[in-house]
Amino acid sequence: MKYAARIAALALAAALSGCATTNNPNDPLEGFNRAMFSFNDGVDKVALKPVAQAYDTVVPGPVQTGIGNFFGNIGDLWSSINQLLQGRIEQGVSTFMRVAINTTFGLGGVLDVATEARLPREKSDFGQTLGKWGVGSGPYLVLPFFGPSTLRDTAGLPIDLYGDLWTYKRPIRWRNVGSVVRVIDRRAQLLDAGSLLEDAALDKYDFVRDAYLQRRQSQIDGSRSGGGDQRKEEAVKP
């Protein structure tokens, strides 16, 4: 938690310092961002991606699905709170019902019964809530380990971490193990998308930046209208 807050503070300081400016109005810190992007990409290639590939090979598909569902169910509660904060009462209640149904009838969230009951998942975070409240996105930022962000989303990141129920899991050793599994499972889900990105993008940095900014703006616009597309890909996230 303290580490995440420090990362957010460093990113805010870097943005405000105006270092490594470019002519791109959405990316005035491109020099800094490219360095962080290269760092994250290196960590992914050396450590995270190989582990995710091994996980994808060894762990059966149904088990992977159950793990993804379990952590997705935990995240749904924070999404529900953010949707309510955004004034999207109907969506917030619907997402809360997802949590109640999956927790009760889905073995603690391992089974996604709610989707079968036509209650689809729509993720929402505090950065999106700030956007709904009229806070501008600010410059694009690439955070070490966390990946693509903006000044606004970076400011909301510590709140998102505090809002994550898994943060309070005890004993701590089980929380840490679960956090590692959660990251690996998430990365494994993006293996195919990552391969497509490698094949399609002439400049992977530009591609990820533009895709992230467009997706975030779409989410903000969706929250303002009370809608949003829960099926949007998250391949631009690490």
Foldseek 3Di string as FASTA:
>chain_A
DVVLLVLLVVQLVLQVVQPCADPPPQAGNVVQQVVLVVLQVVCCVVPQVVLLVVCVVPPDPLQLLLLQQLQLLLQLLQQLVLLVLLVLPVLSVLSVVQSVCCCVVVVNRSRRVSVVVVSDDAGDFVLLSVVSVPDDQAHWHQTHPWGTGGSSVSVRVVVRCVSRPLNPDPPVVVSVVSVVVNSSSVVSVLPVVVVVLVVPDPDSVVVLHVVVVVQSVQSSVQSNVSHGDRPDDPNSTD
